[in-house]
């Protein structure tokens, strides 16, 4: 008997941990909502930074 036939196939031994991990993954819709909220917040920060930059440039010309 060869060493390959006496061992449990790797695919069988690795499925259980993957299934357990899949059970703790967050809902994909929640992830997308969180990403969308972060992008909106970044856009707000970008707008503020651009506004401050424009004010700073305008003050430099005085």
C-alpha atoms as a PDB file:
ATOM      1  CA  UNK A   1       0.000   0.000   0.000  1.00  0.00           C
ATOM      2  CA  UNK A   2       1.446   3.356  -0.916  1.00  0.00           C
ATOM      3  CA  UNK A   3       1.613   6.359   1.369  1.00  0.00           C
ATOM      4  CA  UNK A   4      -0.898   8.176  -0.812  1.00  0.00           C
ATOM      5  CA  UNK A   5      -3.723   5.668  -0.406  1.00  0.00           C
ATOM      6  CA  UNK A   6      -3.380   5.352   3.360  1.00  0.00           C
ATOM      7  CA  UNK A   7      -3.793   9.048   4.083  1.00  0.00           C
ATOM      8  CA  UNK A   8      -7.012  11.001   4.240  1.00  0.00           C
ATOM      9  CA  UNK A   9      -7.265  13.309   1.226  1.00  0.00           C
ATOM     10  CA  UNK A  10      -6.398  16.894   2.062  1.00  0.00           C
ATOM     11  CA  UNK A  11      -9.649  18.163   0.600  1.00  0.00           C
ATOM     12  CA  UNK A  12     -11.616  16.265   3.251  1.00  0.00           C
ATOM     13  CA  UNK A  13      -9.487  17.481   6.146  1.00  0.00           C
ATOM     14  CA  UNK A  14      -9.633  21.130   5.162  1.00  0.00           C
ATOM     15  CA  UNK A  15     -13.362  21.516   4.498  1.00  0.00           C
ATOM     16  CA  UNK A  16     -14.533  21.564   8.136  1.00  0.00           C
ATOM     17  CA  UNK A  17     -12.394  24.585   9.152  1.00  0.00           C
ATOM     18  CA  UNK A  18     -13.540  26.444   6.034  1.00  0.00           C
ATOM     19  CA  UNK A  19     -17.171  25.781   6.848  1.00  0.00           C
ATOM     20  CA  UNK A  20     -16.645  26.948  10.420  1.00  0.00           C
ATOM     21  CA  UNK A  21     -14.972  30.109   9.125  1.00  0.00           C
ATOM     22  CA  UNK A  22     -17.788  30.728   6.645  1.00  0.00           C
ATOM     23  CA  UNK A  23     -20.288  30.686   9.506  1.00  0.00           C
ATOM     24  CA  UNK A  24     -18.578  33.663  11.172  1.00  0.00           C
ATOM     25  CA  UNK A  25     -18.245  35.812   8.069  1.00  0.00           C
ATOM     26  CA  UNK A  26     -20.343  38.991   8.142  1.00  0.00           C
ATOM     27  CA  UNK A  27     -23.243  39.527   5.801  1.00  0.00           C
ATOM     28  CA  UNK A  28     -21.948  40.728   2.403  1.00  0.00           C
ATOM     29  CA  UNK A  29     -24.706  43.381   2.230  1.00  0.00           C
ATOM     30  CA  UNK A  30     -23.534  44.835   5.541  1.00  0.00           C
ATOM     31  CA  UNK A  31     -19.955  44.899   4.272  1.00  0.00           C
ATOM     32  CA  UNK A  32     -21.042  46.781   1.137  1.00  0.00           C
ATOM     33  CA  UNK A  33     -23.111  49.225   3.202  1.00  0.00           C
ATOM     34  CA  UNK A  34     -20.112  49.856   5.474  1.00  0.00           C
ATOM     35  CA  UNK A  35     -17.829  50.420   2.479  1.00  0.00           C
ATOM     36  CA  UNK A  36     -20.380  52.791   0.950  1.00  0.00           C
ATOM     37  CA  UNK A  37     -20.592  54.755   4.212  1.00  0.00           C
ATOM     38  CA  UNK A  38     -16.794  55.015   4.384  1.00  0.00           C
ATOM     39  CA  UNK A  39     -16.637  56.251   0.787  1.00  0.00           C
ATOM     40  CA  UNK A  40     -19.263  58.926   1.505  1.00  0.00           C
ATOM     41  CA  UNK A  41     -17.285  60.021   4.554  1.00  0.00           C
ATOM     42  CA  UNK A  42     -14.093  60.193   2.498  1.00  0.00           C
ATOM     43  CA  UNK A  43     -15.888  62.323  -0.110  1.00  0.00           C
ATOM     44  CA  UNK A  44     -16.983  64.711   2.649  1.00  0.00           C
ATOM     45  CA  UNK A  45     -13.419  64.962   3.923  1.00  0.00           C
ATOM     46  CA  UNK A  46     -12.156  65.521   0.389  1.00  0.00           C
ATOM     47  CA  UNK A  47     -14.648  68.359  -0.108  1.00  0.00           C
ATOM     48  CA  UNK A  48     -13.548  69.985   3.157  1.00  0.00           C
ATOM     49  CA  UNK A  49      -9.879  69.652   2.244  1.00  0.00           C
ATOM     50  CA  UNK A  50     -10.491  71.145  -1.201  1.00  0.00           C
ATOM     51  CA  UNK A  51     -12.417  74.037   0.365  1.00  0.00           C
ATOM     52  CA  UNK A  52      -9.649  74.718   2.887  1.00  0.00           C
ATOM     53  CA  UNK A  53      -7.053  74.503   0.143  1.00  0.00           C
ATOM     54  CA  UNK A  54      -8.955  77.043  -1.966  1.00  0.00           C
ATOM     55  CA  UNK A  55      -9.264  79.382   1.034  1.00  0.00           C
ATOM     56  CA  UNK A  56      -5.558  79.041   1.751  1.00  0.00           C
ATOM     57  CA  UNK A  57      -4.675  79.778  -1.884  1.00  0.00           C
ATOM     58  CA  UNK A  58      -6.980  82.824  -1.856  1.00  0.00           C
ATOM     59  CA  UNK A  59      -5.362  84.159   1.340  1.00  0.00           C
ATOM     60  CA  UNK A  60      -1.888  83.743  -0.149  1.00  0.00           C
ATOM     61  CA  UNK A  61      -2.746  86.201  -2.928  1.00  0.00           C
ATOM     62  CA  UNK A  62      -3.596  89.039  -0.493  1.00  0.00           C
END
